[in-house]
Amino acid sequence: MVTRRPGASSMGCLFTLLVVAAVIYFGVNIGEVYWRAYQFEDDMRQEVKFAAHSANDVILTHLRASADSLGLPEDAQRISIRRTQKTITVDAEYDERIELPMYVRDKHFHPHAEGPL
């Protein structure tokens, strides 16, 4: 014979599962924006690492293709490259919109990479 404990209900468990599911669903939405920004900056670091063997036009082409394949906004393709005799610096700036129920925010990203030539 199975008896229930006094005060125990399955509604508490359902509510907890609903809250966990909502946090995961919206967390993935936010995390995806930050993950794309991290990947883009990582691509910049890779290009800087091998910049001594690449012209600026080649680096721009690679980074613009990366921004496009990651689904970043158009502004992310405005990339600046500055070279000195010893260093190279790559920058971009863009805003990405994070939309949640009853909450919309534009997040500004400034991916940057620099290194020796």
PDB file of N, CA and C in Angstrom:
ATOM      1  N   MET A   1       0.828  -1.162   0.000  1.00  0.00           N
ATOM      2  CA  MET A   1       0.000   0.000   0.000  1.00  0.00           C
ATOM      3  C   MET A   1       0.885   1.241   0.000  1.00  0.00           C
ATOM      4  N   VAL A   2       0.547   2.182  -0.883  1.00  0.00           N
ATOM      5  CA  VAL A   2       1.315   3.413  -1.031  1.00  0.00           C
ATOM      6  C   VAL A   2       0.518   4.539  -0.403  1.00  0.00           C
ATOM      7  N   THR A   3       1.165   5.256   0.484  1.00  0.00           N
ATOM      8  CA  THR A   3       0.504   6.409   1.095  1.00  0.00           C
ATOM      9  C   THR A   3       1.317   7.647   0.794  1.00  0.00           C
ATOM     10  N   ARG A   4       0.635   8.748   0.718  1.00  0.00           N
ATOM     11  CA  ARG A   4       1.305  10.024   0.453  1.00  0.00           C
ATOM     12  C   ARG A   4       1.636  10.701   1.760  1.00  0.00           C
ATOM     13  N   ARG A   5       2.733  11.393   1.752  1.00  0.00           N
ATOM     14  CA  ARG A   5       3.079  12.171   2.935  1.00  0.00           C
ATOM     15  C   ARG A   5       2.178  13.385   2.997  1.00  0.00           C
ATOM     16  N   PRO A   6       1.851  13.814   4.166  1.00  0.00           N
ATOM     17  CA  PRO A   6       1.029  15.015   4.274  1.00  0.00           C
ATOM     18  C   PRO A   6       1.776  16.230   3.719  1.00  0.00           C
ATOM     19  N   GLY A   7       1.093  17.044   2.894  1.00  0.00           N
ATOM     20  CA  GLY A   7       1.684  18.258   2.350  1.00  0.00           C
ATOM     21  C   GLY A   7       2.471  18.050   1.075  1.00  0.00           C
ATOM     22  N   ALA A   8       2.692  16.831   0.641  1.00  0.00           N
ATOM     23  CA  ALA A   8       3.451  16.572  -0.575  1.00  0.00           C
ATOM     24  C   ALA A   8       2.520  16.673  -1.777  1.00  0.00           C
ATOM     25  N   SER A   9       3.012  17.311  -2.825  1.00  0.00           N
ATOM     26  CA  SER A   9       2.199  17.385  -4.034  1.00  0.00           C
ATOM     27  C   SER A   9       3.109  17.354  -5.252  1.00  0.00           C
ATOM     28  N   SER A  10       2.552  17.017  -6.368  1.00  0.00           N
ATOM     29  CA  SER A  10       3.334  16.980  -7.602  1.00  0.00           C
ATOM     30  C   SER A  10       3.415  18.366  -8.242  1.00  0.00           C
ATOM     31  N   MET A  11       2.604  19.328  -7.784  1.00  0.00           N
ATOM     32  CA  MET A  11       2.619  20.675  -8.356  1.00  0.00           C
ATOM     33  C   MET A  11       3.943  21.387  -8.078  1.00  0.00           C
ATOM     34  N   GLY A  12       4.534  21.160  -6.937  1.00  0.00           N
ATOM     35  CA  GLY A  12       5.829  21.773  -6.616  1.00  0.00           C
ATOM     36  C   GLY A  12       6.898  21.318  -7.580  1.00  0.00           C
ATOM     37  N   CYS A  13       6.874  20.053  -7.909  1.00  0.00           N
ATOM     38  CA  CYS A  13       7.843  19.502  -8.855  1.00  0.00           C
ATOM     39  C   CYS A  13       7.600  20.070 -10.253  1.00  0.00           C
ATOM     40  N   LEU A  14       6.360  20.175 -10.673  1.00  0.00           N
ATOM     41  CA  LEU A  14       6.037  20.724 -11.985  1.00  0.00           C
ATOM     42  C   LEU A  14       6.461  22.191 -12.094  1.00  0.00           C
ATOM     43  N   PHE A  15       6.221  22.959 -11.044  1.00  0.00           N
ATOM     44  CA  PHE A  15       6.619  24.359 -11.039  1.00  0.00           C
ATOM     45  C   PHE A  15       8.140  24.489 -11.161  1.00  0.00           C
ATOM     46  N   THR A  16       8.868  23.672 -10.428  1.00  0.00           N
ATOM     47  CA  THR A  16      10.326  23.696 -10.482  1.00  0.00           C
ATOM     48  C   THR A  16      10.819  23.341 -11.880  1.00  0.00           C
ATOM     49  N   LEU A  17      10.225  22.328 -12.482  1.00  0.00           N
ATOM     50  CA  LEU A  17      10.620  21.942 -13.837  1.00  0.00           C
ATOM     51  C   LEU A  17      10.312  23.055 -14.841  1.00  0.00           C
ATOM     52  N   LEU A  18       9.199  23.731 -14.661  1.00  0.00           N
ATOM     53  CA  LEU A  18       8.830  24.837 -15.544  1.00  0.00           C
ATOM     54  C   LEU A  18       9.846  25.977 -15.428  1.00  0.00           C
ATOM     55  N   VAL A  19      10.243  26.312 -14.228  1.00  0.00           N
ATOM     56  CA  VAL A  19      11.224  27.378 -14.009  1.00  0.00           C
ATOM     57  C   VAL A  19      12.575  26.978 -14.606  1.00  0.00           C
ATOM     58  N   VAL A  20      13.000  25.753 -14.399  1.00  0.00           N
ATOM     59  CA  VAL A  20      14.279  25.288 -14.951  1.00  0.00           C
ATOM     60  C   VAL A  20      14.243  25.318 -16.477  1.00  0.00           C
ATOM     61  N   ALA A  21      13.144  24.870 -17.066  1.00  0.00           N
ATOM     62  CA  ALA A  21      13.010  24.877 -18.520  1.00  0.00           C
ATOM     63  C   ALA A  21      13.060  26.304 -19.070  1.00  0.00           C
ATOM     64  N   ALA A  22      12.395  27.247 -18.399  1.00  0.00           N
ATOM     65  CA  ALA A  22      12.402  28.638 -18.847  1.00  0.00           C
ATOM     66  C   ALA A  22      13.815  29.232 -18.762  1.00  0.00           C
ATOM     67  N   VAL A  23      14.523  28.956 -17.692  1.00  0.00           N
ATOM     68  CA  VAL A  23      15.887  29.467 -17.527  1.00  0.00           C
ATOM     69  C   VAL A  23      16.789  28.905 -18.626  1.00  0.00           C
ATOM     70  N   ILE A  24      16.671  27.635 -18.928  1.00  0.00           N
ATOM     71  CA  ILE A  24      17.491  27.029 -19.978  1.00  0.00           C
ATOM     72  C   ILE A  24      17.140  27.626 -21.342  1.00  0.00           C
ATOM     73  N   TYR A  25      15.849  27.754 -21.624  1.00  0.00           N
ATOM     74  CA  TYR A  25      15.408  28.272 -22.921  1.00  0.00           C
ATOM     75  C   TYR A  25      15.934  29.691 -23.152  1.00  0.00           C
ATOM     76  N   PHE A  26      15.763  30.568 -22.190  1.00  0.00           N
ATOM     77  CA  PHE A  26      16.205  31.947 -22.355  1.00  0.00           C
ATOM     78  C   PHE A  26      17.716  32.076 -22.198  1.00  0.00           C
ATOM     79  N   GLY A  27      18.324  31.229 -21.406  1.00  0.00           N
ATOM     80  CA  GLY A  27      19.776  31.242 -21.245  1.00  0.00           C
ATOM     81  C   GLY A  27      20.491  30.877 -22.537  1.00  0.00           C
ATOM     82  N   VAL A  28      19.920  29.941 -23.277  1.00  0.00           N
ATOM     83  CA  VAL A  28      20.500  29.568 -24.562  1.00  0.00           C
ATOM     84  C   VAL A  28      20.429  30.747 -25.522  1.00  0.00           C
ATOM     85  N   ASN A  29      19.334  31.472 -25.502  1.00  0.00           N
ATOM     86  CA  ASN A  29      19.158  32.640 -26.363  1.00  0.00           C
ATOM     87  C   ASN A  29      20.234  33.696 -26.076  1.00  0.00           C
ATOM     88  N   ILE A  30      20.480  33.959 -24.835  1.00  0.00           N
ATOM     89  CA  ILE A  30      21.501  34.943 -24.445  1.00  0.00           C
ATOM     90  C   ILE A  30      22.907  34.393 -24.689  1.00  0.00           C
ATOM     91  N   GLY A  31      23.113  33.147 -24.323  1.00  0.00           N
ATOM     92  CA  GLY A  31      24.427  32.530 -24.489  1.00  0.00           C
ATOM     93  C   GLY A  31      24.878  32.464 -25.932  1.00  0.00           C
ATOM     94  N   GLU A  32      23.936  32.302 -26.852  1.00  0.00           N
ATOM     95  CA  GLU A  32      24.263  32.223 -28.264  1.00  0.00           C
ATOM     96  C   GLU A  32      24.882  33.529 -28.759  1.00  0.00           C
ATOM     97  N   VAL A  33      24.377  34.654 -28.295  1.00  0.00           N
ATOM     98  CA  VAL A  33      24.913  35.962 -28.687  1.00  0.00           C
ATOM     99  C   VAL A  33      26.361  36.102 -28.219  1.00  0.00           C
ATOM    100  N   TYR A  34      26.622  35.741 -26.978  1.00  0.00           N
ATOM    101  CA  TYR A  34      27.979  35.845 -26.437  1.00  0.00           C
ATOM    102  C   TYR A  34      28.915  34.820 -27.083  1.00  0.00           C
ATOM    103  N   TRP A  35      28.405  33.641 -27.410  1.00  0.00           N
ATOM    104  CA  TRP A  35      29.229  32.606 -28.036  1.00  0.00           C
ATOM    105  C   TRP A  35      29.688  33.055 -29.425  1.00  0.00           C
ATOM    106  N   ARG A  36      28.782  33.681 -30.204  1.00  0.00           N
ATOM    107  CA  ARG A  36      29.161  34.183 -31.529  1.00  0.00           C
ATOM    108  C   ARG A  36      30.217  35.277 -31.412  1.00  0.00           C
ATOM    109  N   ALA A  37      30.087  36.149 -30.421  1.00  0.00           N
ATOM    110  CA  ALA A  37      31.083  37.209 -30.210  1.00  0.00           C
ATOM    111  C   ALA A  37      32.442  36.601 -29.860  1.00  0.00           C
ATOM    112  N   TYR A  38      32.436  35.563 -29.027  1.00  0.00           N
ATOM    113  CA  TYR A  38      33.683  34.888 -28.660  1.00  0.00           C
ATOM    114  C   TYR A  38      34.321  34.231 -29.880  1.00  0.00           C
ATOM    115  N   GLN A  39      33.514  33.582 -30.715  1.00  0.00           N
ATOM    116  CA  GLN A  39      34.052  32.927 -31.905  1.00  0.00           C
ATOM    117  C   GLN A  39      34.656  33.943 -32.877  1.00  0.00           C
ATOM    118  N   PHE A  40      33.996  35.080 -33.026  1.00  0.00           N
ATOM    119  CA  PHE A  40      34.502  36.114 -33.925  1.00  0.00           C
ATOM    120  C   PHE A  40      35.839  36.663 -33.422  1.00  0.00           C
ATOM    121  N   GLU A  41      35.926  36.917 -32.134  1.00  0.00           N
ATOM    122  CA  GLU A  41      37.188  37.409 -31.575  1.00  0.00           C
ATOM    123  C   GLU A  41      38.286  36.347 -31.682  1.00  0.00           C
ATOM    124  N   ASP A  42      37.921  35.089 -31.543  1.00  0.00           N
ATOM    125  CA  ASP A  42      38.889  34.004 -31.702  1.00  0.00           C
ATOM    126  C   ASP A  42      39.394  33.947 -33.146  1.00  0.00           C
ATOM    127  N   ASP A  43      38.504  34.157 -34.104  1.00  0.00           N
ATOM    128  CA  ASP A  43      38.929  34.207 -35.502  1.00  0.00           C
ATOM    129  C   ASP A  43      39.893  35.370 -35.728  1.00  0.00           C
ATOM    130  N   MET A  44      39.632  36.494 -35.068  1.00  0.00           N
ATOM    131  CA  MET A  44      40.547  37.639 -35.165  1.00  0.00           C
ATOM    132  C   MET A  44      41.930  37.271 -34.622  1.00  0.00           C
ATOM    133  N   ARG A  45      41.951  36.605 -33.477  1.00  0.00           N
ATOM    134  CA  ARG A  45      43.234  36.206 -32.884  1.00  0.00           C
ATOM    135  C   ARG A  45      44.003  35.263 -33.813  1.00  0.00           C
ATOM    136  N   GLN A  46      43.288  34.365 -34.481  1.00  0.00           N
ATOM    137  CA  GLN A  46      43.936  33.453 -35.422  1.00  0.00           C
ATOM    138  C   GLN A  46      44.543  34.213 -36.594  1.00  0.00           C
ATOM    139  N   GLU A  47      43.815  35.179 -37.119  1.00  0.00           N
ATOM    140  CA  GLU A  47      44.336  35.966 -38.233  1.00  0.00           C
ATOM    141  C   GLU A  47      45.550  36.780 -37.808  1.00  0.00           C
ATOM    142  N   VAL A  48      45.518  37.325 -36.602  1.00  0.00           N
ATOM    143  CA  VAL A  48      46.652  38.106 -36.096  1.00  0.00           C
ATOM    144  C   VAL A  48      47.880  37.204 -35.928  1.00  0.00           C
ATOM    145  N   LYS A  49      47.656  35.993 -35.482  1.00  0.00           N
ATOM    146  CA  LYS A  49      48.760  35.064 -35.251  1.00  0.00           C
ATOM    147  C   LYS A  49      49.549  34.802 -36.537  1.00  0.00           C
ATOM    148  N   PHE A  50      48.838  34.734 -37.669  1.00  0.00           N
ATOM    149  CA  PHE A  50      49.495  34.442 -38.937  1.00  0.00           C
ATOM    150  C   PHE A  50      49.556  35.663 -39.860  1.00  0.00           C
ATOM    151  N   ALA A  51      49.446  36.855 -39.304  1.00  0.00           N
ATOM    152  CA  ALA A  51      49.380  38.092 -40.088  1.00  0.00           C
ATOM    153  C   ALA A  51      50.669  38.393 -40.840  1.00  0.00           C
ATOM    154  N   ALA A  52      51.788  37.926 -40.354  1.00  0.00           N
ATOM    155  CA  ALA A  52      53.056  38.195 -41.031  1.00  0.00           C
ATOM    156  C   ALA A  52      53.070  37.594 -42.434  1.00  0.00           C
ATOM    157  N   HIS A  53      52.245  36.572 -42.646  1.00  0.00           N
ATOM    158  CA  HIS A  53      52.217  35.879 -43.936  1.00  0.00           C
ATOM    159  C   HIS A  53      50.996  36.249 -44.773  1.00  0.00           C
ATOM    160  N   SER A  54      50.176  37.197 -44.312  1.00  0.00           N
ATOM    161  CA  SER A  54      48.941  37.558 -45.020  1.00  0.00           C
ATOM    162  C   SER A  54      48.847  39.067 -45.208  1.00  0.00           C
ATOM    163  N   ALA A  55      48.308  39.450 -46.354  1.00  0.00           N
ATOM    164  CA  ALA A  55      48.056  40.868 -46.614  1.00  0.00           C
ATOM    165  C   ALA A  55      46.771  41.289 -45.910  1.00  0.00           C
ATOM    166  N   ASN A  56      46.611  42.585 -45.709  1.00  0.00           N
ATOM    167  CA  ASN A  56      45.407  43.097 -45.043  1.00  0.00           C
ATOM    168  C   ASN A  56      44.129  42.701 -45.769  1.00  0.00           C
ATOM    169  N   ASP A  57      44.152  42.726 -47.099  1.00  0.00           N
ATOM    170  CA  ASP A  57      42.962  42.357 -47.868  1.00  0.00           C
ATOM    171  C   ASP A  57      42.544  40.911 -47.615  1.00  0.00           C
ATOM    172  N   VAL A  58      43.505  40.033 -47.490  1.00  0.00           N
ATOM    173  CA  VAL A  58      43.203  38.615 -47.227  1.00  0.00           C
ATOM    174  C   VAL A  58      42.607  38.464 -45.832  1.00  0.00           C
ATOM    175  N   ILE A  59      43.182  39.159 -44.868  1.00  0.00           N
ATOM    176  CA  ILE A  59      42.655  39.109 -43.494  1.00  0.00           C
ATOM    177  C   ILE A  59      41.231  39.636 -43.458  1.00  0.00           C
ATOM    178  N   LEU A  60      40.982  40.768 -44.122  1.00  0.00           N
ATOM    179  CA  LEU A  60      39.627  41.332 -44.171  1.00  0.00           C
ATOM    180  C   LEU A  60      38.637  40.353 -44.796  1.00  0.00           C
ATOM    181  N   THR A  61      39.030  39.727 -45.883  1.00  0.00           N
ATOM    182  CA  THR A  61      38.148  38.765 -46.555  1.00  0.00           C
ATOM    183  C   THR A  61      37.796  37.612 -45.617  1.00  0.00           C
ATOM    184  N   HIS A  62      38.800  37.074 -44.917  1.00  0.00           N
ATOM    185  CA  HIS A  62      38.550  35.964 -43.988  1.00  0.00           C
ATOM    186  C   HIS A  62      37.626  36.379 -42.849  1.00  0.00           C
ATOM    187  N   LEU A  63      37.885  37.548 -42.268  1.00  0.00           N
ATOM    188  CA  LEU A  63      37.088  37.983 -41.120  1.00  0.00           C
ATOM    189  C   LEU A  63      35.666  38.368 -41.526  1.00  0.00           C
ATOM    190  N   ARG A  64      35.504  38.955 -42.696  1.00  0.00           N
ATOM    191  CA  ARG A  64      34.144  39.272 -43.158  1.00  0.00           C
ATOM    192  C   ARG A  64      33.361  38.002 -43.438  1.00  0.00           C
ATOM    193  N   ALA A  65      34.019  37.005 -43.992  1.00  0.00           N
ATOM    194  CA  ALA A  65      33.355  35.714 -44.223  1.00  0.00           C
ATOM    195  C   ALA A  65      32.982  35.061 -42.893  1.00  0.00           C
ATOM    196  N   SER A  66      33.851  35.198 -41.914  1.00  0.00           N
ATOM    197  CA  SER A  66      33.565  34.650 -40.581  1.00  0.00           C
ATOM    198  C   SER A  66      32.358  35.341 -39.958  1.00  0.00           C
ATOM    199  N   ALA A  67      32.313  36.671 -40.038  1.00  0.00           N
ATOM    200  CA  ALA A  67      31.181  37.425 -39.487  1.00  0.00           C
ATOM    201  C   ALA A  67      29.883  37.022 -40.173  1.00  0.00           C
ATOM    202  N   ASP A  68      29.949  36.833 -41.477  1.00  0.00           N
ATOM    203  CA  ASP A  68      28.764  36.432 -42.228  1.00  0.00           C
ATOM    204  C   ASP A  68      28.311  35.024 -41.848  1.00  0.00           C
ATOM    205  N   SER A  69      29.247  34.098 -41.743  1.00  0.00           N
ATOM    206  CA  SER A  69      28.876  32.712 -41.409  1.00  0.00           C
ATOM    207  C   SER A  69      28.370  32.583 -39.973  1.00  0.00           C
ATOM    208  N   LEU A  70      28.818  33.461 -39.077  1.00  0.00           N
ATOM    209  CA  LEU A  70      28.333  33.438 -37.697  1.00  0.00           C
ATOM    210  C   LEU A  70      26.978  34.121 -37.554  1.00  0.00           C
ATOM    211  N   GLY A  71      26.540  34.818 -38.592  1.00  0.00           N
ATOM    212  CA  GLY A  71      25.254  35.508 -38.538  1.00  0.00           C
ATOM    213  C   GLY A  71      25.308  36.798 -37.738  1.00  0.00           C
ATOM    214  N   LEU A  72      26.464  37.443 -37.736  1.00  0.00           N
ATOM    215  CA  LEU A  72      26.610  38.704 -37.008  1.00  0.00           C
ATOM    216  C   LEU A  72      25.979  39.840 -37.816  1.00  0.00           C
ATOM    217  N   PRO A  73      25.631  40.942 -37.149  1.00  0.00           N
ATOM    218  CA  PRO A  73      25.058  42.083 -37.862  1.00  0.00           C
ATOM    219  C   PRO A  73      26.031  42.666 -38.889  1.00  0.00           C
ATOM    220  N   GLU A  74      25.501  43.433 -39.833  1.00  0.00           N
ATOM    221  CA  GLU A  74      26.295  44.053 -40.895  1.00  0.00           C
ATOM    222  C   GLU A  74      27.457  44.872 -40.343  1.00  0.00           C
ATOM    223  N   ASP A  75      27.241  45.556 -39.221  1.00  0.00           N
ATOM    224  CA  ASP A  75      28.294  46.408 -38.639  1.00  0.00           C
ATOM    225  C   ASP A  75      29.553  45.623 -38.290  1.00  0.00           C
ATOM    226  N   ALA A  76      29.429  44.351 -38.022  1.00  0.00           N
ATOM    227  CA  ALA A  76      30.592  43.536 -37.646  1.00  0.00           C
ATOM    228  C   ALA A  76      31.575  43.402 -38.798  1.00  0.00           C
ATOM    229  N   GLN A  77      31.114  43.672 -40.011  1.00  0.00           N
ATOM    230  CA  GLN A  77      32.009  43.550 -41.156  1.00  0.00           C
ATOM    231  C   GLN A  77      32.840  44.804 -41.386  1.00  0.00           C
ATOM    232  N   ARG A  78      32.594  45.849 -40.595  1.00  0.00           N
ATOM    233  CA  ARG A  78      33.446  47.048 -40.654  1.00  0.00           C
ATOM    234  C   ARG A  78      34.643  46.816 -39.740  1.00  0.00           C
ATOM    235  N   ILE A  79      35.659  46.248 -40.298  1.00  0.00           N
ATOM    236  CA  ILE A  79      36.837  45.809 -39.545  1.00  0.00           C
ATOM    237  C   ILE A  79      37.991  46.744 -39.860  1.00  0.00           C
ATOM    238  N   SER A  80      38.709  47.155 -38.828  1.00  0.00           N
ATOM    239  CA  SER A  80      39.883  48.001 -39.065  1.00  0.00           C
ATOM    240  C   SER A  80      41.141  47.207 -38.721  1.00  0.00           C
ATOM    241  N   ILE A  81      42.124  47.362 -39.564  1.00  0.00           N
ATOM    242  CA  ILE A  81      43.422  46.700 -39.369  1.00  0.00           C
ATOM    243  C   ILE A  81      44.493  47.781 -39.366  1.00  0.00           C
ATOM    244  N   ARG A  82      45.304  47.798 -38.316  1.00  0.00           N
ATOM    245  CA  ARG A  82      46.408  48.746 -38.211  1.00  0.00           C
ATOM    246  C   ARG A  82      47.710  47.966 -38.024  1.00  0.00           C
ATOM    247  N   ARG A  83      48.654  48.252 -38.876  1.00  0.00           N
ATOM    248  CA  ARG A  83      49.968  47.612 -38.783  1.00  0.00           C
ATOM    249  C   ARG A  83      51.032  48.654 -38.467  1.00  0.00           C
ATOM    250  N   THR A  84      51.938  48.275 -37.615  1.00  0.00           N
ATOM    251  CA  THR A  84      53.170  49.034 -37.441  1.00  0.00           C
ATOM    252  C   THR A  84      54.286  48.110 -37.896  1.00  0.00           C
ATOM    253  N   GLN A  85      55.507  48.515 -37.707  1.00  0.00           N
ATOM    254  CA  GLN A  85      56.611  47.639 -38.122  1.00  0.00           C
ATOM    255  C   GLN A  85      56.686  46.381 -37.266  1.00  0.00           C
ATOM    256  N   LYS A  86      56.165  46.465 -36.036  1.00  0.00           N
ATOM    257  CA  LYS A  86      56.304  45.319 -35.132  1.00  0.00           C
ATOM    258  C   LYS A  86      54.987  44.682 -34.697  1.00  0.00           C
ATOM    259  N   THR A  87      53.873  45.383 -34.847  1.00  0.00           N
ATOM    260  CA  THR A  87      52.595  44.847 -34.348  1.00  0.00           C
ATOM    261  C   THR A  87      51.477  45.006 -35.372  1.00  0.00           C
ATOM    262  N   ILE A  88      50.410  44.242 -35.130  1.00  0.00           N
ATOM    263  CA  ILE A  88      49.188  44.377 -35.911  1.00  0.00           C
ATOM    264  C   ILE A  88      48.021  44.393 -34.926  1.00  0.00           C
ATOM    265  N   THR A  89      47.033  45.236 -35.208  1.00  0.00           N
ATOM    266  CA  THR A  89      45.838  45.349 -34.375  1.00  0.00           C
ATOM    267  C   THR A  89      44.614  45.236 -35.277  1.00  0.00           C
ATOM    268  N   VAL A  90      43.666  44.405 -34.856  1.00  0.00           N
ATOM    269  CA  VAL A  90      42.419  44.208 -35.600  1.00  0.00           C
ATOM    270  C   VAL A  90      41.266  44.530 -34.664  1.00  0.00           C
ATOM    271  N   ASP A  91      40.336  45.381 -35.125  1.00  0.00           N
ATOM    272  CA  ASP A  91      39.187  45.800 -34.317  1.00  0.00           C
ATOM    273  C   ASP A  91      37.912  45.759 -35.148  1.00  0.00           C
ATOM    274  N   ALA A  92      36.816  45.617 -34.446  1.00  0.00           N
ATOM    275  CA  ALA A  92      35.480  45.771 -35.035  1.00  0.00           C
ATOM    276  C   ALA A  92      34.549  46.201 -33.918  1.00  0.00           C
ATOM    277  N   GLU A  93      33.422  46.775 -34.274  1.00  0.00           N
ATOM    278  CA  GLU A  93      32.399  47.150 -33.291  1.00  0.00           C
ATOM    279  C   GLU A  93      31.033  46.871 -33.890  1.00  0.00           C
ATOM    280  N   TYR A  94      30.150  46.322 -33.070  1.00  0.00           N
ATOM    281  CA  TYR A  94      28.790  46.085 -33.519  1.00  0.00           C
ATOM    282  C   TYR A  94      27.879  45.921 -32.312  1.00  0.00           C
ATOM    283  N   ASP A  95      26.592  46.100 -32.560  1.00  0.00           N
ATOM    284  CA  ASP A  95      25.570  45.904 -31.534  1.00  0.00           C
ATOM    285  C   ASP A  95      24.707  44.728 -31.932  1.00  0.00           C
ATOM    286  N   GLU A  96      24.339  43.941 -30.949  1.00  0.00           N
ATOM    287  CA  GLU A  96      23.450  42.813 -31.201  1.00  0.00           C
ATOM    288  C   GLU A  96      22.279  42.889 -30.234  1.00  0.00           C
ATOM    289  N   ARG A  97      21.097  42.630 -30.741  1.00  0.00           N
ATOM    290  CA  ARG A  97      19.872  42.738 -29.951  1.00  0.00           C
ATOM    291  C   ARG A  97      19.571  41.410 -29.262  1.00  0.00           C
ATOM    292  N   ILE A  98      19.314  41.499 -27.966  1.00  0.00           N
ATOM    293  CA  ILE A  98      18.890  40.335 -27.176  1.00  0.00           C
ATOM    294  C   ILE A  98      17.423  40.549 -26.844  1.00  0.00           C
ATOM    295  N   GLU A  99      16.583  39.627 -27.312  1.00  0.00           N
ATOM    296  CA  GLU A  99      15.145  39.760 -27.098  1.00  0.00           C
ATOM    297  C   GLU A  99      14.629  38.620 -26.236  1.00  0.00           C
ATOM    298  N   LEU A 100      14.018  38.997 -25.150  1.00  0.00           N
ATOM    299  CA  LEU A 100      13.345  38.071 -24.251  1.00  0.00           C
ATOM    300  C   LEU A 100      11.934  38.603 -24.028  1.00  0.00           C
ATOM    301  N   PRO A 101      11.039  37.800 -23.503  1.00  0.00           N
ATOM    302  CA  PRO A 101       9.691  38.332 -23.232  1.00  0.00           C
ATOM    303  C   PRO A 101       9.764  39.528 -22.286  1.00  0.00           C
ATOM    304  N   MET A 102       9.179  40.621 -22.692  1.00  0.00           N
ATOM    305  CA  MET A 102       9.109  41.856 -21.908  1.00  0.00           C
ATOM    306  C   MET A 102      10.482  42.456 -21.612  1.00  0.00           C
ATOM    307  N   TYR A 103      11.493  42.104 -22.395  1.00  0.00           N
ATOM    308  CA  TYR A 103      12.839  42.613 -22.167  1.00  0.00           C
ATOM    309  C   TYR A 103      13.602  42.601 -23.488  1.00  0.00           C
ATOM    310  N   VAL A 104      14.037  43.757 -23.944  1.00  0.00           N
ATOM    311  CA  VAL A 104      14.850  43.868 -25.149  1.00  0.00           C
ATOM    312  C   VAL A 104      16.042  44.748 -24.807  1.00  0.00           C
ATOM    313  N   ARG A 105      17.224  44.276 -25.185  1.00  0.00           N
ATOM    314  CA  ARG A 105      18.427  45.038 -24.873  1.00  0.00           C
ATOM    315  C   ARG A 105      19.405  44.925 -26.030  1.00  0.00           C
ATOM    316  N   ASP A 106      20.034  46.040 -26.365  1.00  0.00           N
ATOM    317  CA  ASP A 106      21.105  46.033 -27.350  1.00  0.00           C
ATOM    318  C   ASP A 106      22.425  45.917 -26.614  1.00  0.00           C
ATOM    319  N   LYS A 107      23.198  44.928 -26.972  1.00  0.00           N
ATOM    320  CA  LYS A 107      24.493  44.688 -26.341  1.00  0.00           C
ATOM    321  C   LYS A 107      25.591  45.106 -27.310  1.00  0.00           C
ATOM    322  N   HIS A 108      26.507  45.934 -26.844  1.00  0.00           N
ATOM    323  CA  HIS A 108      27.606  46.429 -27.669  1.00  0.00           C
ATOM    324  C   HIS A 108      28.805  45.485 -27.529  1.00  0.00           C
ATOM    325  N   PHE A 109      29.365  45.078 -28.659  1.00  0.00           N
ATOM    326  CA  PHE A 109      30.553  44.217 -28.669  1.00  0.00           C
ATOM    327  C   PHE A 109      31.676  44.947 -29.377  1.00  0.00           C
ATOM    328  N   HIS A 110      32.876  44.759 -28.862  1.00  0.00           N
ATOM    329  CA  HIS A 110      34.081  45.365 -29.433  1.00  0.00           C
ATOM    330  C   HIS A 110      35.179  44.304 -29.481  1.00  0.00           C
ATOM    331  N   PRO A 111      35.082  43.364 -30.449  1.00  0.00           N
ATOM    332  CA  PRO A 111      36.142  42.361 -30.534  1.00  0.00           C
ATOM    333  C   PRO A 111      37.460  42.997 -30.978  1.00  0.00           C
ATOM    334  N   HIS A 112      38.534  42.530 -30.405  1.00  0.00           N
ATOM    335  CA  HIS A 112      39.842  43.157 -30.586  1.00  0.00           C
ATOM    336  C   HIS A 112      40.912  42.076 -30.501  1.00  0.00           C
ATOM    337  N   ALA A 113      41.901  42.176 -31.355  1.00  0.00           N
ATOM    338  CA  ALA A 113      43.053  41.269 -31.282  1.00  0.00           C
ATOM    339  C   ALA A 113      44.289  42.031 -31.714  1.00  0.00           C
ATOM    340  N   GLU A 114      45.377  41.760 -31.050  1.00  0.00           N
ATOM    341  CA  GLU A 114      46.632  42.371 -31.448  1.00  0.00           C
ATOM    342  C   GLU A 114      47.774  41.411 -31.159  1.00  0.00           C
ATOM    343  N   GLY A 115      48.845  41.582 -31.906  1.00  0.00           N
ATOM    344  CA  GLY A 115      49.989  40.710 -31.709  1.00  0.00           C
ATOM    345  C   GLY A 115      51.188  41.187 -32.498  1.00  0.00           C
ATOM    346  N   PRO A 116      52.290  40.517 -32.303  1.00  0.00           N
ATOM    347  CA  PRO A 116      53.530  40.885 -33.013  1.00  0.00           C
ATOM    348  C   PRO A 116      53.496  40.377 -34.462  1.00  0.00           C
ATOM    349  N   LEU A 117      54.255  41.063 -35.288  1.00  0.00           N
ATOM    350  CA  LEU A 117      54.400  40.620 -36.686  1.00  0.00           C
ATOM    351  C   LEU A 117      55.636  39.764 -36.851  1.00  0.00           C
TER     352      LEU A 117
END
